[in-house]
PDB file of N, CA and C in Angstrom:
ATOM      1  N   UNK A   1      71.034  29.343 -84.274  1.00  0.00           N
ATOM      2  CA  UNK A   1      69.894  28.755 -85.145  1.00  0.00           C
ATOM      3  C   UNK A   1      68.588  29.548 -84.887  1.00  0.00           C
ATOM      4  N   UNK A   2      68.244  29.869 -83.972  1.00  0.00           N
ATOM      5  CA  UNK A   2      66.891  29.867 -84.106  1.00  0.00           C
ATOM      6  C   UNK A   2      66.618  30.719 -85.210  1.00  0.00           C
ATOM      7  N   UNK A   3      66.831  31.929 -85.174  1.00  0.00           N
ATOM      8  CA  UNK A   3      67.335  32.959 -85.999  1.00  0.00           C
ATOM      9  C   UNK A   3      67.581  32.393 -87.261  1.00  0.00           C
ATOM     10  N   UNK A   4      67.327  31.345 -87.880  1.00  0.00           N
ATOM     11  CA  UNK A   4      67.711  30.498 -89.171  1.00  0.00           C
ATOM     12  C   UNK A   4      67.037  29.420 -89.072  1.00  0.00           C
ATOM     13  N   UNK A   5      66.024  29.854 -88.177  1.00  0.00           N
ATOM     14  CA  UNK A   5      65.057  28.371 -88.426  1.00  0.00           C
ATOM     15  C   UNK A   5      65.400  27.330 -88.571  1.00  0.00           C
ATOM     16  N   UNK A   6      65.693  26.913 -86.886  1.00  0.00           N
ATOM     17  CA  UNK A   6      66.657  25.405 -87.306  1.00  0.00           C
ATOM     18  C   UNK A   6      66.940  25.809 -85.232  1.00  0.00           C
ATOM     19  N   UNK A   7      67.044  24.586 -84.287  1.00  0.00           N
ATOM     20  CA  UNK A   7      67.043  24.041 -83.422  1.00  0.00           C
ATOM     21  C   UNK A   7      67.402  22.518 -83.252  1.00  0.00           C
ATOM     22  N   UNK A   8      68.060  23.087 -82.342  1.00  0.00           N
ATOM     23  CA  UNK A   8      68.917  21.711 -81.843  1.00  0.00           C
ATOM     24  C   UNK A   8      67.755  21.031 -80.808  1.00  0.00           C
ATOM     25  N   UNK A   9      67.870  20.159 -80.728  1.00  0.00           N
ATOM     26  CA  UNK A   9      65.959  19.142 -80.402  1.00  0.00           C
ATOM     27  C   UNK A   9      67.270  16.744 -80.197  1.00  0.00           C
ATOM     28  N   UNK A  10      66.962  16.272 -79.635  1.00  0.00           N
ATOM     29  CA  UNK A  10      66.991  15.313 -79.432  1.00  0.00           C
ATOM     30  C   UNK A  10      67.965  14.834 -80.214  1.00  0.00           C
ATOM     31  N   UNK A  11      69.153  15.372 -80.199  1.00  0.00           N
ATOM     32  CA  UNK A  11      70.953  15.366 -80.188  1.00  0.00           C
ATOM     33  C   UNK A  11      71.210  15.515 -81.746  1.00  0.00           C
ATOM     34  N   UNK A  12      70.197  16.754 -82.695  1.00  0.00           N
ATOM     35  CA  UNK A  12      70.604  16.455 -83.913  1.00  0.00           C
ATOM     36  C   UNK A  12      69.630  17.875 -84.037  1.00  0.00           C
ATOM     37  N   UNK A  13      69.987  18.923 -85.703  1.00  0.00           N
ATOM     38  CA  UNK A  13      69.655  20.702 -85.828  1.00  0.00           C
ATOM     39  C   UNK A  13      68.719  19.495 -86.604  1.00  0.00           C
ATOM     40  N   UNK A  14      67.599  20.221 -86.445  1.00  0.00           N
ATOM     41  CA  UNK A  14      65.890  20.730 -87.147  1.00  0.00           C
ATOM     42  C   UNK A  14      65.310  21.768 -87.266  1.00  0.00           C
ATOM     43  N   UNK A  15      64.923  21.282 -88.551  1.00  0.00           N
ATOM     44  CA  UNK A  15      64.765  22.498 -89.071  1.00  0.00           C
ATOM     45  C   UNK A  15      63.150  23.345 -88.256  1.00  0.00           C
ATOM     46  N   UNK A  16      62.894  24.121 -88.763  1.00  0.00           N
ATOM     47  CA  UNK A  16      61.858  24.461 -87.628  1.00  0.00           C
ATOM     48  C   UNK A  16      62.454  24.980 -86.364  1.00  0.00           C
ATOM     49  N   UNK A  17      60.814  26.087 -85.511  1.00  0.00           N
ATOM     50  CA  UNK A  17      61.543  26.699 -84.663  1.00  0.00           C
ATOM     51  C   UNK A  17      60.261  26.306 -84.345  1.00  0.00           C
ATOM     52  N   UNK A  18      59.889  25.675 -82.639  1.00  0.00           N
ATOM     53  CA  UNK A  18      58.864  26.072 -81.404  1.00  0.00           C
ATOM     54  C   UNK A  18      58.934  26.652 -80.096  1.00  0.00           C
ATOM     55  N   UNK A  19      58.809  27.023 -79.470  1.00  0.00           N
ATOM     56  CA  UNK A  19      58.467  27.057 -78.788  1.00  0.00           C
ATOM     57  C   UNK A  19      59.184  26.143 -77.380  1.00  0.00           C
ATOM     58  N   UNK A  20      58.276  25.184 -77.674  1.00  0.00           N
ATOM     59  CA  UNK A  20      58.372  24.084 -76.874  1.00  0.00           C
ATOM     60  C   UNK A  20      58.325  22.862 -76.840  1.00  0.00           C
ATOM     61  N   UNK A  21      59.145  21.705 -76.939  1.00  0.00           N
ATOM     62  CA  UNK A  21      58.871  20.542 -76.866  1.00  0.00           C
ATOM     63  C   UNK A  21      59.828  19.435 -75.767  1.00  0.00           C
ATOM     64  N   UNK A  22      58.811  18.349 -75.636  1.00  0.00           N
ATOM     65  CA  UNK A  22      59.062  17.517 -74.951  1.00  0.00           C
ATOM     66  C   UNK A  22      60.507  16.348 -74.880  1.00  0.00           C
ATOM     67  N   UNK A  23      61.111  16.866 -72.990  1.00  0.00           N
ATOM     68  CA  UNK A  23      62.115  16.209 -72.724  1.00  0.00           C
ATOM     69  C   UNK A  23      62.326  15.230 -71.636  1.00  0.00           C
ATOM     70  N   UNK A  24      62.985  14.135 -71.645  1.00  0.00           N
ATOM     71  CA  UNK A  24      63.332  14.084 -69.885  1.00  0.00           C
ATOM     72  C   UNK A  24      64.693  14.108 -69.600  1.00  0.00           C
ATOM     73  N   UNK A  25      65.374  14.452 -68.700  1.00  0.00           N
ATOM     74  CA  UNK A  25      66.175  14.087 -67.770  1.00  0.00           C
ATOM     75  C   UNK A  25      66.313  13.694 -66.734  1.00  0.00           C
ATOM     76  N   UNK A  26      67.084  12.674 -66.566  1.00  0.00           N
ATOM     77  CA  UNK A  26      67.189  12.356 -65.137  1.00  0.00           C
ATOM     78  C   UNK A  26      68.430  12.860 -64.285  1.00  0.00           C
ATOM     79  N   UNK A  27      69.326  12.177 -63.259  1.00  0.00           N
ATOM     80  CA  UNK A  27      70.302  12.966 -62.745  1.00  0.00           C
ATOM     81  C   UNK A  27      70.392  12.455 -60.670  1.00  0.00           C
ATOM     82  N   UNK A  28      71.681  11.806 -60.836  1.00  0.00           N
ATOM     83  CA  UNK A  28      71.569  11.341 -59.692  1.00  0.00           C
ATOM     84  C   UNK A  28      72.953  12.018 -59.114  1.00  0.00           C
ATOM     85  N   UNK A  29      72.854  12.338 -57.470  1.00  0.00           N
ATOM     86  CA  UNK A  29      73.425  12.992 -56.750  1.00  0.00           C
ATOM     87  C   UNK A  29      74.288  12.002 -55.708  1.00  0.00           C
ATOM     88  N   UNK A  30      75.082  12.298 -55.736  1.00  0.00           N
ATOM     89  CA  UNK A  30      75.776  10.720 -54.602  1.00  0.00           C
ATOM     90  C   UNK A  30      76.299  11.712 -53.103  1.00  0.00           C
ATOM     91  N   UNK A  31      76.651  10.803 -52.291  1.00  0.00           N
ATOM     92  CA  UNK A  31      77.032  11.512 -51.428  1.00  0.00           C
ATOM     93  C   UNK A  31      77.578  12.215 -51.013  1.00  0.00           C
ATOM     94  N   UNK A  32      78.492  12.519 -51.924  1.00  0.00           N
ATOM     95  CA  UNK A  32      80.253  13.114 -51.970  1.00  0.00           C
ATOM     96  C   UNK A  32      79.002  14.688 -52.123  1.00  0.00           C
ATOM     97  N   UNK A  33      77.754  14.665 -52.705  1.00  0.00           N
ATOM     98  CA  UNK A  33      77.531  15.939 -53.758  1.00  0.00           C
ATOM     99  C   UNK A  33      77.698  16.034 -55.462  1.00  0.00           C
ATOM    100  N   UNK A  34      77.585  15.212 -55.857  1.00  0.00           N
ATOM    101  CA  UNK A  34      78.443  15.133 -56.997  1.00  0.00           C
ATOM    102  C   UNK A  34      77.210  14.630 -57.834  1.00  0.00           C
ATOM    103  N   UNK A  35      76.736  15.236 -58.909  1.00  0.00           N
ATOM    104  CA  UNK A  35      75.906  15.301 -59.436  1.00  0.00           C
ATOM    105  C   UNK A  35      75.594  14.522 -60.200  1.00  0.00           C
ATOM    106  N   UNK A  36      75.170  13.643 -61.590  1.00  0.00           N
ATOM    107  CA  UNK A  36      75.622  13.196 -62.330  1.00  0.00           C
ATOM    108  C   UNK A  36      74.979  12.920 -63.536  1.00  0.00           C
ATOM    109  N   UNK A  37      74.654  13.383 -64.582  1.00  0.00           N
ATOM    110  CA  UNK A  37      73.213  13.214 -65.678  1.00  0.00           C
ATOM    111  C   UNK A  37      73.178  11.294 -65.690  1.00  0.00           C
ATOM    112  N   UNK A  38      72.200  11.069 -65.889  1.00  0.00           N
ATOM    113  CA  UNK A  38      72.213   9.628 -66.012  1.00  0.00           C
ATOM    114  C   UNK A  38      71.222   8.769 -67.449  1.00  0.00           C
ATOM    115  N   UNK A  39      70.904   9.952 -67.844  1.00  0.00           N
ATOM    116  CA  UNK A  39      69.573   9.224 -68.828  1.00  0.00           C
ATOM    117  C   UNK A  39      68.168  10.433 -69.447  1.00  0.00           C
ATOM    118  N   UNK A  40      68.324  10.647 -70.694  1.00  0.00           N
ATOM    119  CA  UNK A  40      67.140  11.799 -71.129  1.00  0.00           C
ATOM    120  C   UNK A  40      66.889  10.572 -72.596  1.00  0.00           C
ATOM    121  N   UNK A  41      66.249  11.419 -72.441  1.00  0.00           N
ATOM    122  CA  UNK A  41      64.805  11.337 -73.442  1.00  0.00           C
ATOM    123  C   UNK A  41      64.333  11.785 -74.143  1.00  0.00           C
ATOM    124  N   UNK A  42      63.279  12.092 -75.702  1.00  0.00           N
ATOM    125  CA  UNK A  42      62.869  13.387 -76.121  1.00  0.00           C
ATOM    126  C   UNK A  42      61.615  12.580 -76.510  1.00  0.00           C
ATOM    127  N   UNK A  43      60.538  13.344 -77.580  1.00  0.00           N
ATOM    128  CA  UNK A  43      59.416  13.158 -78.051  1.00  0.00           C
ATOM    129  C   UNK A  43      59.184  12.340 -77.605  1.00  0.00           C
ATOM    130  N   UNK A  44      59.622  10.505 -79.000  1.00  0.00           N
ATOM    131  CA  UNK A  44      58.462   9.403 -78.167  1.00  0.00           C
ATOM    132  C   UNK A  44      58.656   8.299 -77.353  1.00  0.00           C
ATOM    133  N   UNK A  45      60.080   9.077 -77.091  1.00  0.00           N
ATOM    134  CA  UNK A  45      60.173   8.335 -75.954  1.00  0.00           C
ATOM    135  C   UNK A  45      60.508   8.472 -74.357  1.00  0.00           C
ATOM    136  N   UNK A  46      58.996   9.450 -74.530  1.00  0.00           N
ATOM    137  CA  UNK A  46      58.381   9.593 -73.307  1.00  0.00           C
ATOM    138  C   UNK A  46      56.970   9.216 -73.569  1.00  0.00           C
ATOM    139  N   UNK A  47      56.368   8.817 -74.401  1.00  0.00           N
ATOM    140  CA  UNK A  47      55.390   7.646 -74.462  1.00  0.00           C
ATOM    141  C   UNK A  47      54.769   7.259 -73.066  1.00  0.00           C
ATOM    142  N   UNK A  48      56.262   6.067 -71.951  1.00  0.00           N
ATOM    143  CA  UNK A  48      56.490   5.353 -71.664  1.00  0.00           C
ATOM    144  C   UNK A  48      55.186   6.430 -69.830  1.00  0.00           C
ATOM    145  N   UNK A  49      54.956   7.443 -69.705  1.00  0.00           N
ATOM    146  CA  UNK A  49      54.596   8.380 -69.091  1.00  0.00           C
ATOM    147  C   UNK A  49      53.368   8.820 -68.914  1.00  0.00           C
ATOM    148  N   UNK A  50      52.992   8.135 -70.717  1.00  0.00           N
ATOM    149  CA  UNK A  50      51.318   9.526 -70.769  1.00  0.00           C
ATOM    150  C   UNK A  50      50.578   7.577 -70.045  1.00  0.00           C
ATOM    151  N   UNK A  51      50.371   7.276 -69.097  1.00  0.00           N
ATOM    152  CA  UNK A  51      49.502   6.527 -69.277  1.00  0.00           C
ATOM    153  C   UNK A  51      48.662   5.607 -70.010  1.00  0.00           C
ATOM    154  N   UNK A  52      47.847   6.536 -71.066  1.00  0.00           N
ATOM    155  CA  UNK A  52      46.707   6.066 -71.443  1.00  0.00           C
ATOM    156  C   UNK A  52      47.377   5.713 -72.864  1.00  0.00           C
ATOM    157  N   UNK A  53      47.801   6.189 -73.674  1.00  0.00           N
ATOM    158  CA  UNK A  53      48.838   5.722 -74.825  1.00  0.00           C
ATOM    159  C   UNK A  53      49.562   3.954 -74.786  1.00  0.00           C
ATOM    160  N   UNK A  54      49.963   3.518 -73.292  1.00  0.00           N
ATOM    161  CA  UNK A  54      50.209   2.026 -73.438  1.00  0.00           C
ATOM    162  C   UNK A  54      48.799   0.669 -73.459  1.00  0.00           C
ATOM    163  N   UNK A  55      47.804   2.383 -72.992  1.00  0.00           N
ATOM    164  CA  UNK A  55      46.532   1.235 -74.153  1.00  0.00           C
ATOM    165  C   UNK A  55      46.097   1.123 -75.160  1.00  0.00           C
ATOM    166  N   UNK A  56      45.923   2.374 -75.886  1.00  0.00           N
ATOM    167  CA  UNK A  56      46.042   2.907 -76.607  1.00  0.00           C
ATOM    168  C   UNK A  56      46.235   1.462 -77.337  1.00  0.00           C
ATOM    169  N   UNK A  57      48.013   1.803 -77.785  1.00  0.00           N
ATOM    170  CA  UNK A  57      48.798   0.914 -78.509  1.00  0.00           C
ATOM    171  C   UNK A  57      48.762  -0.224 -79.047  1.00  0.00           C
ATOM    172  N   UNK A  58      47.448  -0.903 -78.470  1.00  0.00           N
ATOM    173  CA  UNK A  58      46.457  -2.311 -77.400  1.00  0.00           C
ATOM    174  C   UNK A  58      46.046  -2.472 -78.652  1.00  0.00           C
ATOM    175  N   UNK A  59      44.755  -1.434 -78.784  1.00  0.00           N
ATOM    176  CA  UNK A  59      44.214  -1.434 -80.126  1.00  0.00           C
ATOM    177  C   UNK A  59      43.562  -1.143 -81.346  1.00  0.00           C
ATOM    178  N   UNK A  60      42.803  -1.474 -81.891  1.00  0.00           N
ATOM    179  CA  UNK A  60      42.997  -1.939 -83.472  1.00  0.00           C
ATOM    180  C   UNK A  60      43.237  -0.855 -84.105  1.00  0.00           C
ATOM    181  N   UNK A  61      42.999   0.436 -83.638  1.00  0.00           N
ATOM    182  CA  UNK A  61      42.905   1.868 -84.576  1.00  0.00           C
ATOM    183  C   UNK A  61      44.325   1.988 -84.273  1.00  0.00           C
ATOM    184  N   UNK A  62      44.981   2.230 -82.202  1.00  0.00           N
ATOM    185  CA  UNK A  62      45.610   2.593 -82.060  1.00  0.00           C
ATOM    186  C   UNK A  62      45.924   4.588 -81.333  1.00  0.00           C
ATOM    187  N   UNK A  63      46.705   4.893 -81.672  1.00  0.00           N
ATOM    188  CA  UNK A  63      46.320   6.258 -81.047  1.00  0.00           C
ATOM    189  C   UNK A  63      45.822   7.348 -82.320  1.00  0.00           C
ATOM    190  N   UNK A  64      45.530   7.029 -83.678  1.00  0.00           N
ATOM    191  CA  UNK A  64      44.628   7.281 -84.005  1.00  0.00           C
ATOM    192  C   UNK A  64      45.135   8.874 -84.703  1.00  0.00           C
ATOM    193  N   UNK A  65      46.400   8.891 -85.164  1.00  0.00           N
ATOM    194  CA  UNK A  65      46.855  10.412 -84.406  1.00  0.00           C
ATOM    195  C   UNK A  65      47.955  10.633 -86.062  1.00  0.00           C
ATOM    196  N   UNK A  66      48.152  11.838 -86.255  1.00  0.00           N
ATOM    197  CA  UNK A  66      48.053  12.703 -87.611  1.00  0.00           C
ATOM    198  C   UNK A  66      49.817  11.787 -87.676  1.00  0.00           C
ATOM    199  N   UNK A  67      50.533  11.137 -88.986  1.00  0.00           N
ATOM    200  CA  UNK A  67      52.334  10.625 -88.361  1.00  0.00           C
ATOM    201  C   UNK A  67      53.321  12.228 -88.246  1.00  0.00           C
ATOM    202  N   UNK A  68      52.458  13.016 -88.928  1.00  0.00           N
ATOM    203  CA  UNK A  68      53.408  13.902 -89.142  1.00  0.00           C
ATOM    204  C   UNK A  68      53.517  15.276 -88.145  1.00  0.00           C
ATOM    205  N   UNK A  69      52.757  15.009 -87.591  1.00  0.00           N
ATOM    206  CA  UNK A  69      52.108  16.010 -85.594  1.00  0.00           C
ATOM    207  C   UNK A  69      51.523  15.115 -85.311  1.00  0.00           C
ATOM    208  N   UNK A  70      51.771  14.178 -84.495  1.00  0.00           N
ATOM    209  CA  UNK A  70      51.248  13.389 -83.421  1.00  0.00           C
ATOM    210  C   UNK A  70      51.027  14.214 -82.019  1.00  0.00           C
ATOM    211  N   UNK A  71      50.721  15.458 -81.643  1.00  0.00           N
ATOM    212  CA  UNK A  71      50.758  15.600 -80.459  1.00  0.00           C
ATOM    213  C   UNK A  71      49.706  16.924 -81.167  1.00  0.00           C
ATOM    214  N   UNK A  72      49.177  16.731 -82.224  1.00  0.00           N
ATOM    215  CA  UNK A  72      48.660  18.088 -82.064  1.00  0.00           C
ATOM    216  C   UNK A  72      46.976  18.592 -82.025  1.00  0.00           C
ATOM    217  N   UNK A  73      46.818  17.242 -81.258  1.00  0.00           N
ATOM    218  CA  UNK A  73      45.813  17.119 -80.566  1.00  0.00           C
ATOM    219  C   UNK A  73      45.580  18.189 -79.168  1.00  0.00           C
ATOM    220  N   UNK A  74      47.278  18.075 -78.845  1.00  0.00           N
ATOM    221  CA  UNK A  74      46.835  19.031 -77.115  1.00  0.00           C
ATOM    222  C   UNK A  74      46.474  20.275 -77.427  1.00  0.00           C
ATOM    223  N   UNK A  75      45.829  21.110 -77.046  1.00  0.00           N
ATOM    224  CA  UNK A  75      45.158  21.829 -76.012  1.00  0.00           C
ATOM    225  C   UNK A  75      45.450  22.459 -74.313  1.00  0.00           C
ATOM    226  N   UNK A  76      46.574  23.644 -74.501  1.00  0.00           N
ATOM    227  CA  UNK A  76      47.026  24.481 -73.170  1.00  0.00           C
ATOM    228  C   UNK A  76      45.738  24.788 -72.862  1.00  0.00           C
ATOM    229  N   UNK A  77      45.349  25.186 -71.753  1.00  0.00           N
ATOM    230  CA  UNK A  77      43.827  26.327 -70.733  1.00  0.00           C
ATOM    231  C   UNK A  77      44.379  27.937 -71.789  1.00  0.00           C
ATOM    232  N   UNK A  78      45.717  28.017 -72.285  1.00  0.00           N
ATOM    233  CA  UNK A  78      46.027  29.194 -72.235  1.00  0.00           C
ATOM    234  C   UNK A  78      45.742  28.801 -73.878  1.00  0.00           C
ATOM    235  N   UNK A  79      45.852  28.494 -74.445  1.00  0.00           N
ATOM    236  CA  UNK A  79      45.432  28.020 -76.372  1.00  0.00           C
ATOM    237  C   UNK A  79      44.352  28.525 -76.222  1.00  0.00           C
ATOM    238  N   UNK A  80      43.473  27.561 -75.899  1.00  0.00           N
ATOM    239  CA  UNK A  80      41.703  27.779 -76.743  1.00  0.00           C
ATOM    240  C   UNK A  80      41.856  28.584 -78.005  1.00  0.00           C
TER     241      UNK A  80
END
């Protein structure tokens, strides 16, 4: 799909291709060694892990993010 400008993310095919998108999966390994996928979340479902977001959600202007690109403020050390 990447060659066609599409990718599968958050349980659906989406337009556009990017190298990184957020996601979290949780697994459980029982005493027999069997592994179970117990939970996954993507995009806005990860907000709870960014502690400052919980505070910003309480203030009048909130996160004050661009609604079309909520993480466009992020700058990785090798992208400055």
